[in-house]
Amino acid sequence: MLKRLICLCAVLVLVAACDSTSTNDGSGAAGGNGAGAMGGGMGGPVGGTAHPGTQEDLVVNVGDRVFFEFNQSDVTGEARATLDRQAAWLKKYPSVSVTIEGHCDERGTREYNLALGDRRAVSVKNYLIANGISEARVKTISYGKERPAVLGHNEAAWAQNRRGVTVVTQ
């Protein structure tokens, strides 16, 4: 019995040693890259400058995300400024294609938020197309409320999760 208890304690110590802690600075990098399965996020490259035409270049020099008001999919004035920079960046790198991820906060049903996330992604796509980017270079996907950038049950967290993220797919 004592041997089993010691083994159990050893396993618990090993599991605890493997546990990683993440800091959530509101940058969209909570426990991951904040941009879904395709990469991206708000953090810059580690130990150097970003390579031109890459996701890191987009994040560091342009901005990869725009934010939306509660229950809205209209592009805001602040978002337009970011999307204008994204359109210019995409014109500079014509071989780059992107996927626009539509995200929502945790409020609302899964189905409603998937539809809202889709409307947000399409709004971003349409803005880029209206600014001269070929429709063939821009895809969309909605994650609804399934991939929050920031965990929390308050307005600060919700505001960071109501977003459209541009991800380089080349």
C-alpha atoms as a PDB file:
ATOM      1  CA  MET A   1       0.000   0.000   0.000  1.00  0.00           C
ATOM      2  CA  LEU A   2       2.825   2.380   0.852  1.00  0.00           C
ATOM      3  CA  LYS A   3       4.505   1.565  -2.461  1.00  0.00           C
ATOM      4  CA  ARG A   4       1.312   2.527  -4.370  1.00  0.00           C
ATOM      5  CA  LEU A   5       1.063   5.792  -2.453  1.00  0.00           C
ATOM      6  CA  ILE A   6       4.679   6.664  -3.268  1.00  0.00           C
ATOM      7  CA  CYS A   7       4.116   5.813  -6.947  1.00  0.00           C
ATOM      8  CA  LEU A   8       1.002   7.975  -7.007  1.00  0.00           C
ATOM      9  CA  CYS A   9       2.904  10.889  -5.461  1.00  0.00           C
ATOM     10  CA  ALA A  10       5.695  10.475  -8.011  1.00  0.00           C
ATOM     11  CA  VAL A  11       3.208  10.555 -10.870  1.00  0.00           C
ATOM     12  CA  LEU A  12       1.567  13.685  -9.449  1.00  0.00           C
ATOM     13  CA  VAL A  13       4.949  15.406  -9.141  1.00  0.00           C
ATOM     14  CA  LEU A  14       5.789  14.537 -12.752  1.00  0.00           C
ATOM     15  CA  VAL A  15       2.436  15.773 -14.005  1.00  0.00           C
ATOM     16  CA  ALA A  16       2.774  18.995 -12.013  1.00  0.00           C
ATOM     17  CA  ALA A  17       6.254  19.525 -13.459  1.00  0.00           C
ATOM     18  CA  CYS A  18       4.829  19.258 -16.971  1.00  0.00           C
ATOM     19  CA  ASP A  19       2.184  21.886 -16.301  1.00  0.00           C
ATOM     20  CA  SER A  20       2.902  25.132 -18.101  1.00  0.00           C
ATOM     21  CA  THR A  21       1.666  28.489 -17.011  1.00  0.00           C
ATOM     22  CA  SER A  22       0.599  31.097 -19.500  1.00  0.00           C
ATOM     23  CA  THR A  23       0.194  34.769 -18.965  1.00  0.00           C
ATOM     24  CA  ASN A  24      -2.782  36.410 -20.556  1.00  0.00           C
ATOM     25  CA  ASP A  25      -1.849  39.949 -21.444  1.00  0.00           C
ATOM     26  CA  GLY A  26      -4.965  40.551 -23.540  1.00  0.00           C
ATOM     27  CA  SER A  27      -2.933  40.312 -26.740  1.00  0.00           C
ATOM     28  CA  GLY A  28      -4.792  37.360 -28.106  1.00  0.00           C
ATOM     29  CA  ALA A  29      -2.075  34.934 -27.106  1.00  0.00           C
ATOM     30  CA  ALA A  30      -3.833  33.228 -24.201  1.00  0.00           C
ATOM     31  CA  GLY A  31      -2.378  29.756 -23.994  1.00  0.00           C
ATOM     32  CA  GLY A  32      -1.771  29.694 -27.729  1.00  0.00           C
ATOM     33  CA  ASN A  33      -1.519  31.971 -30.662  1.00  0.00           C
ATOM     34  CA  GLY A  34      -5.039  33.361 -30.484  1.00  0.00           C
ATOM     35  CA  ALA A  35      -5.655  32.959 -34.154  1.00  0.00           C
ATOM     36  CA  GLY A  36      -7.112  29.541 -34.314  1.00  0.00           C
ATOM     37  CA  ALA A  37      -5.472  26.556 -35.865  1.00  0.00           C
ATOM     38  CA  MET A  38      -3.815  28.488 -38.648  1.00  0.00           C
ATOM     39  CA  GLY A  39      -1.289  30.571 -36.736  1.00  0.00           C
ATOM     40  CA  GLY A  40      -0.933  34.284 -36.150  1.00  0.00           C
ATOM     41  CA  GLY A  41      -1.602  36.211 -33.004  1.00  0.00           C
ATOM     42  CA  MET A  42      -0.423  39.489 -31.639  1.00  0.00           C
ATOM     43  CA  GLY A  43       3.045  38.549 -30.466  1.00  0.00           C
ATOM     44  CA  GLY A  44       5.958  39.421 -32.688  1.00  0.00           C
ATOM     45  CA  PRO A  45       8.713  37.149 -33.801  1.00  0.00           C
ATOM     46  CA  VAL A  46      11.173  36.011 -31.186  1.00  0.00           C
ATOM     47  CA  GLY A  47      14.723  37.229 -31.517  1.00  0.00           C
ATOM     48  CA  GLY A  48      14.620  39.248 -34.727  1.00  0.00           C
ATOM     49  CA  THR A  49      12.645  40.982 -37.403  1.00  0.00           C
ATOM     50  CA  ALA A  50       9.796  39.427 -39.322  1.00  0.00           C
ATOM     51  CA  HIS A  51      10.429  38.040 -42.778  1.00  0.00           C
ATOM     52  CA  PRO A  52       8.580  40.082 -45.432  1.00  0.00           C
ATOM     53  CA  GLY A  53       5.274  38.635 -46.586  1.00  0.00           C
ATOM     54  CA  THR A  54       4.836  36.307 -43.605  1.00  0.00           C
ATOM     55  CA  GLN A  55       2.248  36.110 -40.835  1.00  0.00           C
ATOM     56  CA  GLU A  56       4.746  37.683 -38.438  1.00  0.00           C
ATOM     57  CA  ASP A  57       5.285  40.568 -40.855  1.00  0.00           C
ATOM     58  CA  LEU A  58       1.532  41.123 -41.026  1.00  0.00           C
ATOM     59  CA  VAL A  59       1.167  41.004 -37.241  1.00  0.00           C
ATOM     60  CA  VAL A  60       4.155  43.210 -36.420  1.00  0.00           C
ATOM     61  CA  ASN A  61       3.937  45.816 -39.171  1.00  0.00           C
ATOM     62  CA  VAL A  62       0.245  45.967 -40.088  1.00  0.00           C
ATOM     63  CA  GLY A  63      -1.979  44.281 -37.496  1.00  0.00           C
ATOM     64  CA  ASP A  64      -3.748  40.975 -38.026  1.00  0.00           C
ATOM     65  CA  ARG A  65      -7.070  41.638 -36.318  1.00  0.00           C
ATOM     66  CA  VAL A  66      -9.994  44.008 -36.153  1.00  0.00           C
ATOM     67  CA  PHE A  67     -12.655  44.228 -33.471  1.00  0.00           C
ATOM     68  CA  PHE A  68     -16.427  44.508 -33.618  1.00  0.00           C
ATOM     69  CA  GLU A  69     -19.132  45.973 -31.432  1.00  0.00           C
ATOM     70  CA  PHE A  70     -21.496  43.682 -29.533  1.00  0.00           C
ATOM     71  CA  ASN A  71     -23.800  41.744 -31.870  1.00  0.00           C
ATOM     72  CA  GLN A  72     -22.475  43.642 -34.915  1.00  0.00           C
ATOM     73  CA  SER A  73     -20.642  42.723 -38.093  1.00  0.00           C
ATOM     74  CA  ASP A  74     -20.150  46.233 -39.483  1.00  0.00           C
ATOM     75  CA  VAL A  75     -16.541  47.332 -39.915  1.00  0.00           C
ATOM     76  CA  THR A  76     -15.800  50.194 -37.502  1.00  0.00           C
ATOM     77  CA  GLY A  77     -13.690  53.268 -38.271  1.00  0.00           C
ATOM     78  CA  GLU A  78     -10.759  51.875 -36.309  1.00  0.00           C
ATOM     79  CA  ALA A  79     -11.106  48.568 -38.150  1.00  0.00           C
ATOM     80  CA  ARG A  80     -11.101  50.381 -41.501  1.00  0.00           C
ATOM     81  CA  ALA A  81      -7.698  51.869 -40.720  1.00  0.00           C
ATOM     82  CA  THR A  82      -6.274  48.413 -39.988  1.00  0.00           C
ATOM     83  CA  LEU A  83      -7.932  46.907 -43.057  1.00  0.00           C
ATOM     84  CA  ASP A  84      -6.572  49.706 -45.255  1.00  0.00           C
ATOM     85  CA  ARG A  85      -3.079  48.769 -44.033  1.00  0.00           C
ATOM     86  CA  GLN A  86      -3.827  45.085 -44.651  1.00  0.00           C
ATOM     87  CA  ALA A  87      -5.006  45.831 -48.207  1.00  0.00           C
ATOM     88  CA  ALA A  88      -1.824  47.808 -48.906  1.00  0.00           C
ATOM     89  CA  TRP A  89       0.259  44.969 -47.464  1.00  0.00           C
ATOM     90  CA  LEU A  90      -1.577  42.389 -49.597  1.00  0.00           C
ATOM     91  CA  LYS A  91      -0.986  44.534 -52.706  1.00  0.00           C
ATOM     92  CA  LYS A  92       2.713  44.597 -51.832  1.00  0.00           C
ATOM     93  CA  TYR A  93       2.761  40.773 -51.626  1.00  0.00           C
ATOM     94  CA  PRO A  94       0.491  39.603 -54.483  1.00  0.00           C
ATOM     95  CA  SER A  95       1.399  35.935 -54.039  1.00  0.00           C
ATOM     96  CA  VAL A  96       0.040  35.881 -50.482  1.00  0.00           C
ATOM     97  CA  SER A  97      -3.432  34.512 -49.793  1.00  0.00           C
ATOM     98  CA  VAL A  98      -5.270  34.881 -46.501  1.00  0.00           C
ATOM     99  CA  THR A  99      -8.087  33.361 -44.502  1.00  0.00           C
ATOM    100  CA  ILE A 100     -10.272  35.673 -42.453  1.00  0.00           C
ATOM    101  CA  GLU A 101     -11.385  34.106 -39.181  1.00  0.00           C
ATOM    102  CA  GLY A 102     -14.637  35.390 -37.682  1.00  0.00           C
ATOM    103  CA  HIS A 103     -14.890  35.165 -33.890  1.00  0.00           C
ATOM    104  CA  CYS A 104     -17.492  36.071 -31.243  1.00  0.00           C
ATOM    105  CA  ASP A 105     -17.676  36.439 -27.498  1.00  0.00           C
ATOM    106  CA  GLU A 106     -19.208  33.712 -25.340  1.00  0.00           C
ATOM    107  CA  ARG A 107     -22.697  35.184 -25.216  1.00  0.00           C
ATOM    108  CA  GLY A 108     -25.346  33.668 -27.462  1.00  0.00           C
ATOM    109  CA  THR A 109     -25.908  30.186 -28.791  1.00  0.00           C
ATOM    110  CA  ARG A 110     -23.285  28.253 -30.701  1.00  0.00           C
ATOM    111  CA  GLU A 111     -25.349  28.449 -33.908  1.00  0.00           C
ATOM    112  CA  TYR A 112     -25.992  32.179 -33.598  1.00  0.00           C
ATOM    113  CA  ASN A 113     -22.326  32.910 -32.970  1.00  0.00           C
ATOM    114  CA  LEU A 114     -21.181  30.768 -35.894  1.00  0.00           C
ATOM    115  CA  ALA A 115     -23.487  32.811 -38.148  1.00  0.00           C
ATOM    116  CA  LEU A 116     -22.321  36.104 -36.603  1.00  0.00           C
ATOM    117  CA  GLY A 117     -18.668  35.068 -36.940  1.00  0.00           C
ATOM    118  CA  ASP A 118     -19.328  34.280 -40.604  1.00  0.00           C
ATOM    119  CA  ARG A 119     -20.892  37.723 -41.157  1.00  0.00           C
ATOM    120  CA  ARG A 120     -17.862  39.340 -39.507  1.00  0.00           C
ATOM    121  CA  ALA A 121     -15.404  37.392 -41.651  1.00  0.00           C
ATOM    122  CA  VAL A 122     -17.370  38.215 -44.805  1.00  0.00           C
ATOM    123  CA  SER A 123     -17.455  41.923 -43.845  1.00  0.00           C
ATOM    124  CA  VAL A 124     -13.663  41.942 -43.566  1.00  0.00           C
ATOM    125  CA  LYS A 125     -13.322  40.032 -46.841  1.00  0.00           C
ATOM    126  CA  ASN A 126     -15.674  42.410 -48.649  1.00  0.00           C
ATOM    127  CA  TYR A 127     -13.744  45.419 -47.352  1.00  0.00           C
ATOM    128  CA  LEU A 128     -10.472  43.985 -48.642  1.00  0.00           C
ATOM    129  CA  ILE A 129     -12.045  43.158 -52.014  1.00  0.00           C
ATOM    130  CA  ALA A 130     -13.472  46.697 -52.250  1.00  0.00           C
ATOM    131  CA  ASN A 131      -9.903  47.916 -51.715  1.00  0.00           C
ATOM    132  CA  GLY A 132      -8.529  46.019 -54.697  1.00  0.00           C
ATOM    133  CA  ILE A 133      -7.679  42.578 -53.318  1.00  0.00           C
ATOM    134  CA  SER A 134      -8.725  39.662 -55.532  1.00  0.00           C
ATOM    135  CA  GLU A 135     -11.558  37.598 -54.118  1.00  0.00           C
ATOM    136  CA  ALA A 136      -9.602  34.451 -55.021  1.00  0.00           C
ATOM    137  CA  ARG A 137      -6.935  35.415 -52.446  1.00  0.00           C
ATOM    138  CA  VAL A 138      -9.334  35.758 -49.500  1.00  0.00           C
ATOM    139  CA  LYS A 139     -11.151  32.856 -47.830  1.00  0.00           C
ATOM    140  CA  THR A 140     -13.336  32.999 -44.723  1.00  0.00           C
ATOM    141  CA  ILE A 141     -14.106  30.740 -41.796  1.00  0.00           C
ATOM    142  CA  SER A 142     -16.207  31.242 -38.683  1.00  0.00           C
ATOM    143  CA  TYR A 143     -15.214  29.884 -35.313  1.00  0.00           C
ATOM    144  CA  GLY A 144     -18.102  31.556 -33.471  1.00  0.00           C
ATOM    145  CA  LYS A 145     -17.371  31.477 -29.758  1.00  0.00           C
ATOM    146  CA  GLU A 146     -15.292  28.285 -29.942  1.00  0.00           C
ATOM    147  CA  ARG A 147     -11.821  29.901 -29.940  1.00  0.00           C
ATOM    148  CA  PRO A 148     -11.659  32.825 -27.528  1.00  0.00           C
ATOM    149  CA  ALA A 149      -8.490  34.906 -27.559  1.00  0.00           C
ATOM    150  CA  VAL A 150      -9.065  35.945 -23.960  1.00  0.00           C
ATOM    151  CA  LEU A 151     -10.762  33.918 -21.263  1.00  0.00           C
ATOM    152  CA  GLY A 152     -13.129  35.786 -18.987  1.00  0.00           C
ATOM    153  CA  HIS A 153     -16.734  36.631 -18.327  1.00  0.00           C
ATOM    154  CA  ASN A 154     -16.565  40.418 -18.529  1.00  0.00           C
ATOM    155  CA  GLU A 155     -16.721  43.186 -21.107  1.00  0.00           C
ATOM    156  CA  ALA A 156     -12.930  43.465 -21.403  1.00  0.00           C
ATOM    157  CA  ALA A 157     -12.622  39.791 -22.385  1.00  0.00           C
ATOM    158  CA  TRP A 158     -15.705  39.864 -24.612  1.00  0.00           C
ATOM    159  CA  ALA A 159     -14.412  42.920 -26.504  1.00  0.00           C
ATOM    160  CA  GLN A 160     -11.161  41.103 -27.342  1.00  0.00           C
ATOM    161  CA  ASN A 161     -13.078  38.044 -28.544  1.00  0.00           C
ATOM    162  CA  ARG A 162     -15.374  39.921 -30.959  1.00  0.00           C
ATOM    163  CA  ARG A 163     -12.847  39.956 -33.756  1.00  0.00           C
ATOM    164  CA  GLY A 164     -11.839  39.182 -37.301  1.00  0.00           C
ATOM    165  CA  VAL A 165      -8.331  37.764 -37.690  1.00  0.00           C
ATOM    166  CA  THR A 166      -6.405  37.745 -40.951  1.00  0.00           C
ATOM    167  CA  VAL A 167      -4.198  34.660 -41.288  1.00  0.00           C
ATOM    168  CA  VAL A 168      -1.624  34.210 -44.046  1.00  0.00           C
ATOM    169  CA  THR A 169      -2.185  30.899 -45.844  1.00  0.00           C
ATOM    170  CA  GLN A 170      -0.055  31.317 -49.004  1.00  0.00           C
END
